[in-house]
Amino acid sequence: MTAQPEHPAGSRVTTIPHTINAIGDALSAEKRLAFYAEVLAADAADVAAVMGRWWKTAMLDRAPGAESSRANAAAGRRLVAIDDLAARLEVRAS
């Protein structure tokens, strides 16, 4: 018997368009409310930054195994939560 990967190796997450409606539609109901509240409260100059942060959240939520990654990290299984990994990668890229 061979071990099968949890997710197909060729699976790719579909990119969410970088628009307010597309980002909002991709988020859970709770996150959607927070996103729209933050976008509506942002100054015109800050809207792009708000959208960028929430777009990343929406994309990470679509990643295969995202919820199990968060659960494992919260349970202390020495795994890095996908959100922490994204933050680390963002710091390295800047």
C-alpha atoms as a PDB file:
ATOM      1  CA  MET A   1       0.000   0.000   0.000  1.00  0.00           C
ATOM      2  CA  THR A   2       1.288   3.457  -0.809  1.00  0.00           C
ATOM      3  CA  ALA A   3       0.551   6.667   0.993  1.00  0.00           C
ATOM      4  CA  GLN A   4      -1.523   9.116  -0.976  1.00  0.00           C
ATOM      5  CA  PRO A   5      -1.084  12.858  -0.560  1.00  0.00           C
ATOM      6  CA  GLU A   6      -3.875  14.579   1.313  1.00  0.00           C
ATOM      7  CA  HIS A   7      -4.318  16.956  -1.622  1.00  0.00           C
ATOM      8  CA  PRO A   8      -3.479  16.285  -5.258  1.00  0.00           C
ATOM      9  CA  ALA A   9      -0.021  17.578  -6.143  1.00  0.00           C
ATOM     10  CA  GLY A  10      -1.358  19.490  -9.129  1.00  0.00           C
ATOM     11  CA  SER A  11      -4.167  21.221  -7.251  1.00  0.00           C
ATOM     12  CA  ARG A  12      -4.037  24.965  -7.525  1.00  0.00           C
ATOM     13  CA  VAL A  13      -6.101  27.563  -5.760  1.00  0.00           C
ATOM     14  CA  THR A  14      -8.086  29.749  -8.139  1.00  0.00           C
ATOM     15  CA  THR A  15      -7.001  33.354  -7.840  1.00  0.00           C
ATOM     16  CA  ILE A  16      -9.565  35.768  -6.468  1.00  0.00           C
ATOM     17  CA  PRO A  17      -9.905  38.960  -8.521  1.00  0.00           C
ATOM     18  CA  HIS A  18      -8.569  41.981  -6.642  1.00  0.00           C
ATOM     19  CA  THR A  19     -11.925  43.773  -6.352  1.00  0.00           C
ATOM     20  CA  ILE A  20     -13.980  44.625  -3.297  1.00  0.00           C
ATOM     21  CA  ASN A  21     -16.906  42.440  -4.348  1.00  0.00           C
ATOM     22  CA  ALA A  22     -14.763  39.437  -5.300  1.00  0.00           C
ATOM     23  CA  ILE A  23     -12.825  39.593  -2.038  1.00  0.00           C
ATOM     24  CA  GLY A  24     -16.033  39.967  -0.031  1.00  0.00           C
ATOM     25  CA  ASP A  25     -17.674  37.051  -1.839  1.00  0.00           C
ATOM     26  CA  ALA A  26     -14.679  34.805  -1.106  1.00  0.00           C
ATOM     27  CA  LEU A  27     -14.745  35.435   2.654  1.00  0.00           C
ATOM     28  CA  SER A  28     -16.845  33.705   5.298  1.00  0.00           C
ATOM     29  CA  ALA A  29     -19.866  35.670   6.545  1.00  0.00           C
ATOM     30  CA  GLU A  30     -18.079  36.821   9.711  1.00  0.00           C
ATOM     31  CA  LYS A  31     -14.922  37.868   7.869  1.00  0.00           C
ATOM     32  CA  ARG A  32     -16.984  39.503   5.103  1.00  0.00           C
ATOM     33  CA  LEU A  33     -18.647  41.820   7.635  1.00  0.00           C
ATOM     34  CA  ALA A  34     -15.272  42.799   9.088  1.00  0.00           C
ATOM     35  CA  PHE A  35     -13.825  43.346   5.603  1.00  0.00           C
ATOM     36  CA  TYR A  36     -16.660  45.609   4.433  1.00  0.00           C
ATOM     37  CA  ALA A  37     -16.571  47.564   7.700  1.00  0.00           C
ATOM     38  CA  GLU A  38     -12.827  48.113   7.318  1.00  0.00           C
ATOM     39  CA  VAL A  39     -13.081  49.084   3.643  1.00  0.00           C
ATOM     40  CA  LEU A  40     -15.904  51.531   4.313  1.00  0.00           C
ATOM     41  CA  ALA A  41     -14.015  53.113   7.223  1.00  0.00           C
ATOM     42  CA  ALA A  42     -10.723  53.435   5.296  1.00  0.00           C
ATOM     43  CA  ASP A  43      -9.537  56.663   3.748  1.00  0.00           C
ATOM     44  CA  ALA A  44      -9.314  56.546  -0.044  1.00  0.00           C
ATOM     45  CA  ALA A  45      -5.533  56.221   0.199  1.00  0.00           C
ATOM     46  CA  ASP A  46      -5.816  53.217   2.528  1.00  0.00           C
ATOM     47  CA  VAL A  47      -8.408  51.168   0.612  1.00  0.00           C
ATOM     48  CA  ALA A  48      -5.771  49.365  -1.482  1.00  0.00           C
ATOM     49  CA  ALA A  49      -3.883  48.259   1.654  1.00  0.00           C
ATOM     50  CA  VAL A  50      -7.101  47.021   3.289  1.00  0.00           C
ATOM     51  CA  MET A  51      -8.001  45.125   0.138  1.00  0.00           C
ATOM     52  CA  GLY A  52      -4.510  43.615  -0.049  1.00  0.00           C
ATOM     53  CA  ARG A  53      -4.661  42.282   3.515  1.00  0.00           C
ATOM     54  CA  TRP A  54      -8.118  40.799   3.087  1.00  0.00           C
ATOM     55  CA  TRP A  55      -7.293  39.375  -0.351  1.00  0.00           C
ATOM     56  CA  LYS A  56      -4.457  37.429   1.274  1.00  0.00           C
ATOM     57  CA  THR A  57      -6.827  36.183   3.965  1.00  0.00           C
ATOM     58  CA  ALA A  58      -9.343  35.058   1.352  1.00  0.00           C
ATOM     59  CA  MET A  59      -6.654  33.290  -0.677  1.00  0.00           C
ATOM     60  CA  LEU A  60      -5.217  31.567   2.407  1.00  0.00           C
ATOM     61  CA  ASP A  61      -8.683  30.405   3.415  1.00  0.00           C
ATOM     62  CA  ARG A  62      -8.932  28.661   0.023  1.00  0.00           C
ATOM     63  CA  ALA A  63      -5.620  26.839   0.407  1.00  0.00           C
ATOM     64  CA  PRO A  64      -5.986  23.069   0.799  1.00  0.00           C
ATOM     65  CA  GLY A  65      -5.580  22.168   4.451  1.00  0.00           C
ATOM     66  CA  ALA A  66      -5.763  25.740   5.742  1.00  0.00           C
ATOM     67  CA  GLU A  67      -8.203  24.945   8.529  1.00  0.00           C
ATOM     68  CA  SER A  68      -6.332  21.831   9.616  1.00  0.00           C
ATOM     69  CA  SER A  69      -3.095  23.845   9.623  1.00  0.00           C
ATOM     70  CA  ARG A  70      -4.667  26.416  11.935  1.00  0.00           C
ATOM     71  CA  ALA A  71      -6.151  23.699  14.156  1.00  0.00           C
ATOM     72  CA  ASN A  72      -2.840  21.826  14.410  1.00  0.00           C
ATOM     73  CA  ALA A  73      -0.958  24.992  15.287  1.00  0.00           C
ATOM     74  CA  ALA A  74      -3.586  25.929  17.888  1.00  0.00           C
ATOM     75  CA  ALA A  75      -3.339  22.435  19.388  1.00  0.00           C
ATOM     76  CA  GLY A  76       0.416  22.834  19.820  1.00  0.00           C
ATOM     77  CA  ARG A  77       1.407  20.239  17.293  1.00  0.00           C
ATOM     78  CA  ARG A  78       4.487  22.298  16.427  1.00  0.00           C
ATOM     79  CA  LEU A  79       3.096  23.359  13.118  1.00  0.00           C
ATOM     80  CA  VAL A  80       3.061  26.878  11.824  1.00  0.00           C
ATOM     81  CA  ALA A  81      -0.413  28.242  11.157  1.00  0.00           C
ATOM     82  CA  ILE A  82      -0.876  29.227   7.528  1.00  0.00           C
ATOM     83  CA  ASP A  83      -1.518  32.833   8.610  1.00  0.00           C
ATOM     84  CA  ASP A  84       1.809  32.990  10.468  1.00  0.00           C
ATOM     85  CA  LEU A  85       3.594  31.507   7.481  1.00  0.00           C
ATOM     86  CA  ALA A  86       2.083  34.146   5.194  1.00  0.00           C
ATOM     87  CA  ALA A  87       3.195  36.900   7.564  1.00  0.00           C
ATOM     88  CA  ARG A  88       6.743  35.490   7.620  1.00  0.00           C
ATOM     89  CA  LEU A  89       6.839  35.321   3.833  1.00  0.00           C
ATOM     90  CA  GLU A  90       5.564  38.880   3.551  1.00  0.00           C
ATOM     91  CA  VAL A  91       8.329  40.138   5.855  1.00  0.00           C
ATOM     92  CA  ARG A  92      10.965  38.308   3.792  1.00  0.00           C
ATOM     93  CA  ALA A  93       9.594  39.752   0.546  1.00  0.00           C
ATOM     94  CA  SER A  94       9.796  43.352   1.751  1.00  0.00           C
END
